[in-house]
Amino acid sequence: EAKQLCGACEGRVACLEYALANDERFGVWGGLSEKERGRLRRAQN
């Protein structure tokens, strides 16, 4: 449900960028869960 709401949000990309830049480790940010952000971060590295 959180991811669905994020998908309709204009701020999704900025939210995800914020979460990655600030190492947010909990919750759904920018439409991604903690695990998904971790995978994205590792792929970027």
PDB file of all heavy atoms in Angstrom:
ATOM      1  N   GLU A   1       0.828  -1.209   0.000  1.00  0.00           N
ATOM      2  CA  GLU A   1       0.000   0.000   0.000  1.00  0.00           C
ATOM      3  C   GLU A   1       0.865   1.262   0.000  1.00  0.00           C
ATOM      4  O   GLU A   1       0.568   2.221  -0.704  1.00  0.00           O
ATOM      5  CB  GLU A   1      -0.938   0.013   1.197  1.00  0.00           C
ATOM      6  CG  GLU A   1      -2.079  -0.975   1.091  1.00  0.00           C
ATOM      7  CD  GLU A   1      -3.026  -0.873   2.278  1.00  0.00           C
ATOM      8  OE1 GLU A   1      -3.465   0.252   2.586  1.00  0.00           O
ATOM      9  OE2 GLU A   1      -3.295  -1.910   2.898  1.00  0.00           O
ATOM     10  N   ALA A   2       1.931   1.253   0.779  1.00  0.00           N
ATOM     11  CA  ALA A   2       2.838   2.404   0.823  1.00  0.00           C
ATOM     12  C   ALA A   2       3.483   2.618  -0.539  1.00  0.00           C
ATOM     13  O   ALA A   2       3.559   3.742  -1.042  1.00  0.00           O
ATOM     14  CB  ALA A   2       3.908   2.203   1.892  1.00  0.00           C
ATOM     15  N   LYS A   3       3.922   1.543  -1.157  1.00  0.00           N
ATOM     16  CA  LYS A   3       4.563   1.629  -2.470  1.00  0.00           C
ATOM     17  C   LYS A   3       3.589   2.127  -3.526  1.00  0.00           C
ATOM     18  O   LYS A   3       3.973   2.894  -4.416  1.00  0.00           O
ATOM     19  CB  LYS A   3       5.150   0.282  -2.874  1.00  0.00           C
ATOM     20  CG  LYS A   3       6.342  -0.120  -2.034  1.00  0.00           C
ATOM     21  CD  LYS A   3       6.817  -1.487  -2.447  1.00  0.00           C
ATOM     22  CE  LYS A   3       8.001  -1.922  -1.626  1.00  0.00           C
ATOM     23  NZ  LYS A   3       8.497  -3.231  -2.077  1.00  0.00           N
ATOM     24  N   GLN A   4       2.336   1.720  -3.423  1.00  0.00           N
ATOM     25  CA  GLN A   4       1.318   2.173  -4.365  1.00  0.00           C
ATOM     26  C   GLN A   4       1.108   3.679  -4.222  1.00  0.00           C
ATOM     27  O   GLN A   4       1.023   4.395  -5.221  1.00  0.00           O
ATOM     28  CB  GLN A   4       0.010   1.428  -4.120  1.00  0.00           C
ATOM     29  CG  GLN A   4      -1.059   1.732  -5.135  1.00  0.00           C
ATOM     30  CD  GLN A   4      -2.300   0.883  -4.915  1.00  0.00           C
ATOM     31  OE1 GLN A   4      -2.435   0.179  -3.919  1.00  0.00           O
ATOM     32  NE2 GLN A   4      -3.212   0.950  -5.864  1.00  0.00           N
ATOM     33  N   LEU A   5       1.047   4.171  -2.989  1.00  0.00           N
ATOM     34  CA  LEU A   5       0.897   5.603  -2.757  1.00  0.00           C
ATOM     35  C   LEU A   5       2.125   6.355  -3.276  1.00  0.00           C
ATOM     36  O   LEU A   5       1.994   7.398  -3.922  1.00  0.00           O
ATOM     37  CB  LEU A   5       0.675   5.880  -1.267  1.00  0.00           C
ATOM     38  CG  LEU A   5       0.207   7.271  -0.906  1.00  0.00           C
ATOM     39  CD1 LEU A   5      -1.149   7.574  -1.515  1.00  0.00           C
ATOM     40  CD2 LEU A   5       0.146   7.424   0.603  1.00  0.00           C
ATOM     41  N   CYS A   6       3.304   5.815  -3.036  1.00  0.00           N
ATOM     42  CA  CYS A   6       4.537   6.440  -3.530  1.00  0.00           C
ATOM     43  C   CYS A   6       4.525   6.546  -5.056  1.00  0.00           C
ATOM     44  O   CYS A   6       4.998   7.534  -5.619  1.00  0.00           O
ATOM     45  CB  CYS A   6       5.760   5.629  -3.116  1.00  0.00           C
ATOM     46  SG  CYS A   6       6.165   5.706  -1.366  1.00  0.00           S
ATOM     47  N   GLY A   7       3.992   5.527  -5.707  1.00  0.00           N
ATOM     48  CA  GLY A   7       3.950   5.520  -7.163  1.00  0.00           C
ATOM     49  C   GLY A   7       3.140   6.660  -7.749  1.00  0.00           C
ATOM     50  O   GLY A   7       3.371   7.073  -8.881  1.00  0.00           O
ATOM     51  N   ALA A   8       2.198   7.186  -6.966  1.00  0.00           N
ATOM     52  CA  ALA A   8       1.355   8.289  -7.425  1.00  0.00           C
ATOM     53  C   ALA A   8       1.861   9.653  -6.942  1.00  0.00           C
ATOM     54  O   ALA A   8       1.268  10.680  -7.247  1.00  0.00           O
ATOM     55  CB  ALA A   8      -0.072   8.077  -6.926  1.00  0.00           C
ATOM     56  N   CYS A   9       2.962   9.664  -6.222  1.00  0.00           N
ATOM     57  CA  CYS A   9       3.467  10.890  -5.591  1.00  0.00           C
ATOM     58  C   CYS A   9       4.476  11.623  -6.481  1.00  0.00           C
ATOM     59  O   CYS A   9       5.420  11.014  -6.990  1.00  0.00           O
ATOM     60  CB  CYS A   9       4.118  10.548  -4.258  1.00  0.00           C
ATOM     61  SG  CYS A   9       4.652  12.005  -3.326  1.00  0.00           S
ATOM     62  N   GLU A  10       4.286  12.923  -6.625  1.00  0.00           N
ATOM     63  CA  GLU A  10       5.211  13.747  -7.414  1.00  0.00           C
ATOM     64  C   GLU A  10       6.602  13.819  -6.786  1.00  0.00           C
ATOM     65  O   GLU A  10       7.584  14.057  -7.473  1.00  0.00           O
ATOM     66  CB  GLU A  10       4.666  15.163  -7.546  1.00  0.00           C
ATOM     67  CG  GLU A  10       3.417  15.283  -8.371  1.00  0.00           C
ATOM     68  CD  GLU A  10       2.895  16.710  -8.426  1.00  0.00           C
ATOM     69  OE1 GLU A  10       3.620  17.643  -8.032  1.00  0.00           O
ATOM     70  OE2 GLU A  10       1.755  16.893  -8.868  1.00  0.00           O
ATOM     71  N   GLY A  11       6.676  13.634  -5.493  1.00  0.00           N
ATOM     72  CA  GLY A  11       7.955  13.762  -4.790  1.00  0.00           C
ATOM     73  C   GLY A  11       8.722  12.461  -4.652  1.00  0.00           C
ATOM     74  O   GLY A  11       9.744  12.418  -3.968  1.00  0.00           O
ATOM     75  N   ARG A  12       8.280  11.408  -5.316  1.00  0.00           N
ATOM     76  CA  ARG A  12       8.890  10.088  -5.140  1.00  0.00           C
ATOM     77  C   ARG A  12      10.393  10.077  -5.395  1.00  0.00           C
ATOM     78  O   ARG A  12      11.163   9.557  -4.604  1.00  0.00           O
ATOM     79  CB  ARG A  12       8.206   9.054  -6.035  1.00  0.00           C
ATOM     80  CG  ARG A  12       8.682   7.633  -5.781  1.00  0.00           C
ATOM     81  CD  ARG A  12       8.123   6.655  -6.779  1.00  0.00           C
ATOM     82  NE  ARG A  12       8.636   6.866  -8.125  1.00  0.00           N
ATOM     83  CZ  ARG A  12       9.861   6.500  -8.517  1.00  0.00           C
ATOM     84  NH1 ARG A  12      10.675   5.919  -7.680  1.00  0.00           N
ATOM     85  NH2 ARG A  12      10.257   6.723  -9.747  1.00  0.00           N
ATOM     86  N   VAL A  13      10.830  10.654  -6.488  1.00  0.00           N
ATOM     87  CA  VAL A  13      12.258  10.626  -6.835  1.00  0.00           C
ATOM     88  C   VAL A  13      13.070  11.413  -5.811  1.00  0.00           C
ATOM     89  O   VAL A  13      14.106  10.943  -5.335  1.00  0.00           O
ATOM     90  CB  VAL A  13      12.490  11.163  -8.266  1.00  0.00           C
ATOM     91  CG1 VAL A  13      13.970  11.308  -8.558  1.00  0.00           C
ATOM     92  CG2 VAL A  13      11.837  10.239  -9.287  1.00  0.00           C
ATOM     93  N   ALA A  14      12.590  12.599  -5.441  1.00  0.00           N
ATOM     94  CA  ALA A  14      13.297  13.412  -4.438  1.00  0.00           C
ATOM     95  C   ALA A  14      13.340  12.691  -3.101  1.00  0.00           C
ATOM     96  O   ALA A  14      14.350  12.733  -2.390  1.00  0.00           O
ATOM     97  CB  ALA A  14      12.626  14.777  -4.299  1.00  0.00           C
ATOM     98  N   CYS A  15      12.259  12.006  -2.765  1.00  0.00           N
ATOM     99  CA  CYS A  15      12.187  11.246  -1.516  1.00  0.00           C
ATOM    100  C   CYS A  15      13.221  10.121  -1.517  1.00  0.00           C
ATOM    101  O   CYS A  15      13.949   9.928  -0.540  1.00  0.00           O
ATOM    102  CB  CYS A  15      10.774  10.688  -1.352  1.00  0.00           C
ATOM    103  SG  CYS A  15      10.540   9.611   0.073  1.00  0.00           S
ATOM    104  N   LEU A  16      13.289   9.391  -2.618  1.00  0.00           N
ATOM    105  CA  LEU A  16      14.258   8.301  -2.726  1.00  0.00           C
ATOM    106  C   LEU A  16      15.683   8.843  -2.663  1.00  0.00           C
ATOM    107  O   LEU A  16      16.541   8.288  -1.965  1.00  0.00           O
ATOM    108  CB  LEU A  16      14.037   7.512  -4.015  1.00  0.00           C
ATOM    109  CG  LEU A  16      14.999   6.354  -4.269  1.00  0.00           C
ATOM    110  CD1 LEU A  16      14.972   5.352  -3.117  1.00  0.00           C
ATOM    111  CD2 LEU A  16      14.661   5.681  -5.588  1.00  0.00           C
ATOM    112  N   GLU A  17      15.950   9.926  -3.360  1.00  0.00           N
ATOM    113  CA  GLU A  17      17.284  10.536  -3.320  1.00  0.00           C
ATOM    114  C   GLU A  17      17.638  10.966  -1.906  1.00  0.00           C
ATOM    115  O   GLU A  17      18.765  10.775  -1.452  1.00  0.00           O
ATOM    116  CB  GLU A  17      17.344  11.724  -4.279  1.00  0.00           C
ATOM    117  CG  GLU A  17      17.324  11.317  -5.738  1.00  0.00           C
ATOM    118  CD  GLU A  17      17.205  12.494  -6.691  1.00  0.00           C
ATOM    119  OE1 GLU A  17      16.946  13.634  -6.252  1.00  0.00           O
ATOM    120  OE2 GLU A  17      17.366  12.259  -7.910  1.00  0.00           O
ATOM    121  N   TYR A  18      16.670  11.538  -1.200  1.00  0.00           N
ATOM    122  CA  TYR A  18      16.895  11.948   0.193  1.00  0.00           C
ATOM    123  C   TYR A  18      17.240  10.728   1.053  1.00  0.00           C
ATOM    124  O   TYR A  18      18.189  10.760   1.835  1.00  0.00           O
ATOM    125  CB  TYR A  18      15.649  12.654   0.747  1.00  0.00           C
ATOM    126  CG  TYR A  18      15.758  12.960   2.214  1.00  0.00           C
ATOM    127  CD1 TYR A  18      16.394  14.121   2.647  1.00  0.00           C
ATOM    128  CD2 TYR A  18      15.253  12.093   3.175  1.00  0.00           C
ATOM    129  CE1 TYR A  18      16.522  14.397   3.996  1.00  0.00           C
ATOM    130  CE2 TYR A  18      15.381  12.360   4.522  1.00  0.00           C
ATOM    131  CZ  TYR A  18      16.009  13.508   4.931  1.00  0.00           C
ATOM    132  OH  TYR A  18      16.145  13.778   6.266  1.00  0.00           O
ATOM    133  N   ALA A  19      16.454   9.665   0.908  1.00  0.00           N
ATOM    134  CA  ALA A  19      16.678   8.463   1.711  1.00  0.00           C
ATOM    135  C   ALA A  19      18.052   7.861   1.448  1.00  0.00           C
ATOM    136  O   ALA A  19      18.738   7.439   2.377  1.00  0.00           O
ATOM    137  CB  ALA A  19      15.590   7.429   1.421  1.00  0.00           C
ATOM    138  N   LEU A  20      18.464   7.824   0.191  1.00  0.00           N
ATOM    139  CA  LEU A  20      19.781   7.279  -0.142  1.00  0.00           C
ATOM    140  C   LEU A  20      20.900   8.172   0.368  1.00  0.00           C
ATOM    141  O   LEU A  20      21.892   7.697   0.915  1.00  0.00           O
ATOM    142  CB  LEU A  20      19.898   7.083  -1.655  1.00  0.00           C
ATOM    143  CG  LEU A  20      18.985   6.003  -2.252  1.00  0.00           C
ATOM    144  CD1 LEU A  20      19.019   6.045  -3.762  1.00  0.00           C
ATOM    145  CD2 LEU A  20      19.339   4.622  -1.725  1.00  0.00           C
ATOM    146  N   ALA A  21      20.744   9.476   0.220  1.00  0.00           N
ATOM    147  CA  ALA A  21      21.777  10.427   0.655  1.00  0.00           C
ATOM    148  C   ALA A  21      21.919  10.461   2.172  1.00  0.00           C
ATOM    149  O   ALA A  21      23.007  10.722   2.693  1.00  0.00           O
ATOM    150  CB  ALA A  21      21.454  11.825   0.135  1.00  0.00           C
ATOM    151  N   ASN A  22      20.822  10.181   2.886  1.00  0.00           N
ATOM    152  CA  ASN A  22      20.833  10.263   4.344  1.00  0.00           C
ATOM    153  C   ASN A  22      20.813   8.893   5.015  1.00  0.00           C
ATOM    154  O   ASN A  22      20.603   8.799   6.224  1.00  0.00           O
ATOM    155  CB  ASN A  22      19.654  11.119   4.818  1.00  0.00           C
ATOM    156  CG  ASN A  22      19.847  12.552   4.419  1.00  0.00           C
ATOM    157  OD1 ASN A  22      20.611  13.283   5.032  1.00  0.00           O
ATOM    158  ND2 ASN A  22      19.173  12.973   3.350  1.00  0.00           N
ATOM    159  N   ASP A  23      21.042   7.861   4.233  1.00  0.00           N
ATOM    160  CA  ASP A  23      21.135   6.496   4.736  1.00  0.00           C
ATOM    161  C   ASP A  23      19.951   6.114   5.621  1.00  0.00           C
ATOM    162  O   ASP A  23      20.124   5.562   6.703  1.00  0.00           O
ATOM    163  CB  ASP A  23      22.463   6.302   5.483  1.00  0.00           C
ATOM    164  CG  ASP A  23      22.832   4.841   5.634  1.00  0.00           C
ATOM    165  OD1 ASP A  23      22.354   4.017   4.825  1.00  0.00           O
ATOM    166  OD2 ASP A  23      23.578   4.505   6.575  1.00  0.00           O
ATOM    167  N   GLU A  24      18.735   6.427   5.137  1.00  0.00           N
ATOM    168  CA  GLU A  24      17.528   6.034   5.867  1.00  0.00           C
ATOM    169  C   GLU A  24      17.442   4.522   5.839  1.00  0.00           C
ATOM    170  O   GLU A  24      17.415   3.914   4.784  1.00  0.00           O
ATOM    171  CB  GLU A  24      16.280   6.649   5.225  1.00  0.00           C
ATOM    172  CG  GLU A  24      16.159   8.135   5.422  1.00  0.00           C
ATOM    173  CD  GLU A  24      15.836   8.534   6.847  1.00  0.00           C
ATOM    174  OE1 GLU A  24      15.479   7.662   7.676  1.00  0.00           O
ATOM    175  OE2 GLU A  24      15.944   9.735   7.146  1.00  0.00           O
ATOM    176  N   ARG A  25      17.421   3.902   6.992  1.00  0.00           N
ATOM    177  CA  ARG A  25      17.472   2.445   7.057  1.00  0.00           C
ATOM    178  C   ARG A  25      16.147   1.782   7.355  1.00  0.00           C
ATOM    179  O   ARG A  25      16.058   0.560   7.338  1.00  0.00           O
ATOM    180  CB  ARG A  25      18.491   2.031   8.106  1.00  0.00           C
ATOM    181  CG  ARG A  25      19.850   2.570   7.755  1.00  0.00           C
ATOM    182  CD  ARG A  25      20.934   1.782   8.302  1.00  0.00           C
ATOM    183  NE  ARG A  25      22.194   2.370   7.854  1.00  0.00           N
ATOM    184  CZ  ARG A  25      23.342   1.828   8.086  1.00  0.00           C
ATOM    185  NH1 ARG A  25      23.402   0.710   8.753  1.00  0.00           N
ATOM    186  NH2 ARG A  25      24.428   2.398   7.653  1.00  0.00           N
ATOM    187  N   PHE A  26      15.119   2.569   7.652  1.00  0.00           N
ATOM    188  CA  PHE A  26      13.836   1.986   8.021  1.00  0.00           C
ATOM    189  C   PHE A  26      12.718   2.596   7.203  1.00  0.00           C
ATOM    190  O   PHE A  26      12.773   3.759   6.824  1.00  0.00           O
ATOM    191  CB  PHE A  26      13.568   2.200   9.518  1.00  0.00           C
ATOM    192  CG  PHE A  26      14.634   1.606  10.385  1.00  0.00           C
ATOM    193  CD1 PHE A  26      15.626   2.406  10.921  1.00  0.00           C
ATOM    194  CD2 PHE A  26      14.663   0.243  10.643  1.00  0.00           C
ATOM    195  CE1 PHE A  26      16.626   1.861  11.709  1.00  0.00           C
ATOM    196  CE2 PHE A  26      15.659  -0.310  11.427  1.00  0.00           C
ATOM    197  CZ  PHE A  26      16.644   0.495  11.963  1.00  0.00           C
ATOM    198  N   GLY A  27      11.707   1.795   6.910  1.00  0.00           N
ATOM    199  CA  GLY A  27      10.515   2.287   6.249  1.00  0.00           C
ATOM    200  C   GLY A  27      10.619   2.331   4.731  1.00  0.00           C
ATOM    201  O   GLY A  27      11.648   2.023   4.140  1.00  0.00           O
ATOM    202  N   VAL A  28       9.485   2.705   4.147  1.00  0.00           N
ATOM    203  CA  VAL A  28       9.395   2.862   2.691  1.00  0.00           C
ATOM    204  C   VAL A  28       9.687   4.317   2.363  1.00  0.00           C
ATOM    205  O   VAL A  28       9.064   5.226   2.908  1.00  0.00           O
ATOM    206  CB  VAL A  28       7.987   2.461   2.186  1.00  0.00           C
ATOM    207  CG1 VAL A  28       7.848   2.757   0.704  1.00  0.00           C
ATOM    208  CG2 VAL A  28       7.716   0.995   2.476  1.00  0.00           C
ATOM    209  N   TRP A  29      10.653   4.547   1.498  1.00  0.00           N
ATOM    210  CA  TRP A  29      11.038   5.894   1.053  1.00  0.00           C
ATOM    211  C   TRP A  29      11.144   5.858  -0.463  1.00  0.00           C
ATOM    212  O   TRP A  29      11.825   4.991  -1.015  1.00  0.00           O
ATOM    213  CB  TRP A  29      12.396   6.305   1.635  1.00  0.00           C
ATOM    214  CG  TRP A  29      12.377   6.582   3.099  1.00  0.00           C
ATOM    215  CD1 TRP A  29      12.423   5.665   4.101  1.00  0.00           C
ATOM    216  CD2 TRP A  29      12.330   7.860   3.727  1.00  0.00           C
ATOM    217  NE1 TRP A  29      12.401   6.290   5.317  1.00  0.00           N
ATOM    218  CE2 TRP A  29      12.347   7.638   5.114  1.00  0.00           C
ATOM    219  CE3 TRP A  29      12.271   9.162   3.247  1.00  0.00           C
ATOM    220  CZ2 TRP A  29      12.309   8.686   6.029  1.00  0.00           C
ATOM    221  CZ3 TRP A  29      12.244  10.201   4.151  1.00  0.00           C
ATOM    222  CH2 TRP A  29      12.252   9.965   5.534  1.00  0.00           C
ATOM    223  N   GLY A  30      10.482   6.765  -1.126  1.00  0.00           N
ATOM    224  CA  GLY A  30      10.568   6.828  -2.581  1.00  0.00           C
ATOM    225  C   GLY A  30      10.080   5.567  -3.267  1.00  0.00           C
ATOM    226  O   GLY A  30      10.506   5.235  -4.362  1.00  0.00           O
ATOM    227  N   GLY A  31       9.204   4.833  -2.605  1.00  0.00           N
ATOM    228  CA  GLY A  31       8.645   3.630  -3.190  1.00  0.00           C
ATOM    229  C   GLY A  31       9.474   2.373  -3.001  1.00  0.00           C
ATOM    230  O   GLY A  31       9.137   1.324  -3.529  1.00  0.00           O
ATOM    231  N   LEU A  32      10.559   2.468  -2.248  1.00  0.00           N
ATOM    232  CA  LEU A  32      11.409   1.295  -2.023  1.00  0.00           C
ATOM    233  C   LEU A  32      11.502   0.969  -0.540  1.00  0.00           C
ATOM    234  O   LEU A  32      11.582   1.867   0.306  1.00  0.00           O
ATOM    235  CB  LEU A  32      12.823   1.536  -2.566  1.00  0.00           C
ATOM    236  CG  LEU A  32      12.967   1.792  -4.065  1.00  0.00           C
ATOM    237  CD1 LEU A  32      14.429   1.961  -4.433  1.00  0.00           C
ATOM    238  CD2 LEU A  32      12.330   0.678  -4.884  1.00  0.00           C
ATOM    239  N   SER A  33      11.536  -0.314  -0.242  1.00  0.00           N
ATOM    240  CA  SER A  33      11.705  -0.778   1.134  1.00  0.00           C
ATOM    241  C   SER A  33      13.180  -0.676   1.531  1.00  0.00           C
ATOM    242  O   SER A  33      14.040  -0.362   0.703  1.00  0.00           O
ATOM    243  CB  SER A  33      11.254  -2.235   1.249  1.00  0.00           C
ATOM    244  OG  SER A  33      12.155  -3.073   0.533  1.00  0.00           O
ATOM    245  N   GLU A  34      13.445  -0.993   2.791  1.00  0.00           N
ATOM    246  CA  GLU A  34      14.836  -0.977   3.273  1.00  0.00           C
ATOM    247  C   GLU A  34      15.719  -1.889   2.437  1.00  0.00           C
ATOM    248  O   GLU A  34      16.814  -1.508   2.010  1.00  0.00           O
ATOM    249  CB  GLU A  34      14.920  -1.448   4.736  1.00  0.00           C
ATOM    250  CG  GLU A  34      14.114  -0.652   5.710  1.00  0.00           C
ATOM    251  CD  GLU A  34      12.743  -1.288   6.003  1.00  0.00           C
ATOM    252  OE1 GLU A  34      12.241  -2.096   5.188  1.00  0.00           O
ATOM    253  OE2 GLU A  34      12.163  -0.938   7.038  1.00  0.00           O
ATOM    254  N   LYS A  35      15.238  -3.113   2.193  1.00  0.00           N
ATOM    255  CA  LYS A  35      16.022  -4.088   1.428  1.00  0.00           C
ATOM    256  C   LYS A  35      16.243  -3.618  -0.001  1.00  0.00           C
ATOM    257  O   LYS A  35      17.339  -3.758  -0.544  1.00  0.00           O
ATOM    258  CB  LYS A  35      15.333  -5.451   1.432  1.00  0.00           C
ATOM    259  CG  LYS A  35      15.373  -6.137   2.770  1.00  0.00           C
ATOM    260  CD  LYS A  35      14.679  -7.474   2.707  1.00  0.00           C
ATOM    261  CE  LYS A  35      14.686  -8.135   4.067  1.00  0.00           C
ATOM    262  NZ  LYS A  35      13.995  -9.435   4.041  1.00  0.00           N
ATOM    263  N   GLU A  36      15.214  -3.057  -0.603  1.00  0.00           N
ATOM    264  CA  GLU A  36      15.334  -2.590  -1.989  1.00  0.00           C
ATOM    265  C   GLU A  36      16.314  -1.421  -2.089  1.00  0.00           C
ATOM    266  O   GLU A  36      17.098  -1.356  -3.038  1.00  0.00           O
ATOM    267  CB  GLU A  36      13.964  -2.184  -2.524  1.00  0.00           C
ATOM    268  CG  GLU A  36      13.035  -3.366  -2.698  1.00  0.00           C
ATOM    269  CD  GLU A  36      11.593  -2.976  -2.885  1.00  0.00           C
ATOM    270  OE1 GLU A  36      11.152  -1.937  -2.343  1.00  0.00           O
ATOM    271  OE2 GLU A  36      10.877  -3.725  -3.576  1.00  0.00           O
ATOM    272  N   ARG A  37      16.285  -0.518  -1.116  1.00  0.00           N
ATOM    273  CA  ARG A  37      17.254   0.594  -1.128  1.00  0.00           C
ATOM    274  C   ARG A  37      18.667   0.072  -0.920  1.00  0.00           C
ATOM    275  O   ARG A  37      19.612   0.564  -1.539  1.00  0.00           O
ATOM    276  CB  ARG A  37      16.906   1.639  -0.063  1.00  0.00           C
ATOM    277  CG  ARG A  37      15.691   2.466  -0.406  1.00  0.00           C
ATOM    278  CD  ARG A  37      15.534   3.682   0.492  1.00  0.00           C
ATOM    279  NE  ARG A  37      15.595   3.386   1.909  1.00  0.00           N
ATOM    280  CZ  ARG A  37      14.574   2.943   2.641  1.00  0.00           C
ATOM    281  NH1 ARG A  37      13.398   2.742   2.090  1.00  0.00           N
ATOM    282  NH2 ARG A  37      14.728   2.720   3.942  1.00  0.00           N
ATOM    283  N   GLY A  38      18.813  -0.928  -0.078  1.00  0.00           N
ATOM    284  CA  GLY A  38      20.129  -1.535   0.135  1.00  0.00           C
ATOM    285  C   GLY A  38      20.677  -2.149  -1.142  1.00  0.00           C
ATOM    286  O   GLY A  38      21.843  -1.969  -1.484  1.00  0.00           O
ATOM    287  N   ARG A  39      19.809  -2.873  -1.871  1.00  0.00           N
ATOM    288  CA  ARG A  39      20.237  -3.464  -3.155  1.00  0.00           C
ATOM    289  C   ARG A  39      20.608  -2.377  -4.159  1.00  0.00           C
ATOM    290  O   ARG A  39      21.601  -2.494  -4.879  1.00  0.00           O
ATOM    291  CB  ARG A  39      19.133  -4.358  -3.720  1.00  0.00           C
ATOM    292  CG  ARG A  39      19.028  -5.693  -3.013  1.00  0.00           C
ATOM    293  CD  ARG A  39      18.158  -6.667  -3.781  1.00  0.00           C
ATOM    294  NE  ARG A  39      16.759  -6.287  -3.793  1.00  0.00           N
ATOM    295  CZ  ARG A  39      15.829  -6.745  -2.966  1.00  0.00           C
ATOM    296  NH1 ARG A  39      16.165  -7.623  -2.045  1.00  0.00           N
ATOM    297  NH2 ARG A  39      14.582  -6.352  -3.069  1.00  0.00           N
ATOM    298  N   LEU A  40      19.799  -1.312  -4.209  1.00  0.00           N
ATOM    299  CA  LEU A  40      20.082  -0.208  -5.121  1.00  0.00           C
ATOM    300  C   LEU A  40      21.413   0.450  -4.769  1.00  0.00           C
ATOM    301  O   LEU A  40      22.236   0.720  -5.651  1.00  0.00           O
ATOM    302  CB  LEU A  40      18.947   0.823  -5.071  1.00  0.00           C
ATOM    303  CG  LEU A  40      19.117   2.070  -5.933  1.00  0.00           C
ATOM    304  CD1 LEU A  40      19.246   1.698  -7.410  1.00  0.00           C
ATOM    305  CD2 LEU A  40      17.947   3.019  -5.716  1.00  0.00           C
ATOM    306  N   ARG A  41      21.644   0.671  -3.489  1.00  0.00           N
ATOM    307  CA  ARG A  41      22.897   1.292  -3.036  1.00  0.00           C
ATOM    308  C   ARG A  41      24.096   0.427  -3.409  1.00  0.00           C
ATOM    309  O   ARG A  41      25.101   0.927  -3.910  1.00  0.00           O
ATOM    310  CB  ARG A  41      22.840   1.519  -1.522  1.00  0.00           C
ATOM    311  CG  ARG A  41      23.927   2.401  -0.996  1.00  0.00           C
ATOM    312  CD  ARG A  41      23.789   2.688   0.499  1.00  0.00           C
ATOM    313  NE  ARG A  41      22.618   3.510   0.771  1.00  0.00           N
ATOM    314  CZ  ARG A  41      21.540   3.100   1.429  1.00  0.00           C
ATOM    315  NH1 ARG A  41      21.472   1.870   1.890  1.00  0.00           N
ATOM    316  NH2 ARG A  41      20.524   3.910   1.646  1.00  0.00           N
ATOM    317  N   ARG A  42      23.982  -0.883  -3.187  1.00  0.00           N
ATOM    318  CA  ARG A  42      25.088  -1.790  -3.531  1.00  0.00           C
ATOM    319  C   ARG A  42      25.328  -1.817  -5.034  1.00  0.00           C
ATOM    320  O   ARG A  42      26.469  -1.813  -5.490  1.00  0.00           O
ATOM    321  CB  ARG A  42      24.811  -3.197  -3.003  1.00  0.00           C
ATOM    322  CG  ARG A  42      24.990  -3.293  -1.490  1.00  0.00           C
ATOM    323  CD  ARG A  42      24.915  -4.728  -0.984  1.00  0.00           C
ATOM    324  NE  ARG A  42      23.616  -5.346  -1.198  1.00  0.00           N
ATOM    325  CZ  ARG A  42      22.551  -5.184  -0.412  1.00  0.00           C
ATOM    326  NH1 ARG A  42      22.629  -4.395   0.645  1.00  0.00           N
ATOM    327  NH2 ARG A  42      21.414  -5.814  -0.688  1.00  0.00           N
ATOM    328  N   ALA A  43      24.252  -1.799  -5.821  1.00  0.00           N
ATOM    329  CA  ALA A  43      24.396  -1.778  -7.284  1.00  0.00           C
ATOM    330  C   ALA A  43      25.066  -0.488  -7.736  1.00  0.00           C
ATOM    331  O   ALA A  43      25.936  -0.508  -8.611  1.00  0.00           O
ATOM    332  CB  ALA A  43      23.036  -1.925  -7.951  1.00  0.00           C
ATOM    333  N   GLN A  44      24.693   0.628  -7.128  1.00  0.00           N
ATOM    334  CA  GLN A  44      25.314   1.910  -7.475  1.00  0.00           C
ATOM    335  C   GLN A  44      26.793   1.896  -7.109  1.00  0.00           C
ATOM    336  O   GLN A  44      27.624   2.411  -7.853  1.00  0.00           O
ATOM    337  CB  GLN A  44      24.611   3.061  -6.760  1.00  0.00           C
ATOM    338  CG  GLN A  44      23.242   3.365  -7.299  1.00  0.00           C
ATOM    339  CD  GLN A  44      22.520   4.429  -6.491  1.00  0.00           C
ATOM    340  OE1 GLN A  44      22.781   4.631  -5.305  1.00  0.00           O
ATOM    341  NE2 GLN A  44      21.603   5.111  -7.132  1.00  0.00           N
ATOM    342  N   ASN A  45      27.132   1.300  -5.978  1.00  0.00           N
ATOM    343  CA  ASN A  45      28.537   1.221  -5.561  1.00  0.00           C
ATOM    344  C   ASN A  45      29.349   0.355  -6.515  1.00  0.00           C
ATOM    345  O   ASN A  45      30.494   0.676  -6.832  1.00  0.00           O
ATOM    346  CB  ASN A  45      28.646   0.689  -4.138  1.00  0.00           C
ATOM    347  CG  ASN A  45      28.183   1.692  -3.110  1.00  0.00           C
ATOM    348  OD1 ASN A  45      28.090   2.886  -3.368  1.00  0.00           O
ATOM    349  ND2 ASN A  45      27.843   1.196  -1.935  1.00  0.00           N
TER     350      ASN A  45
END
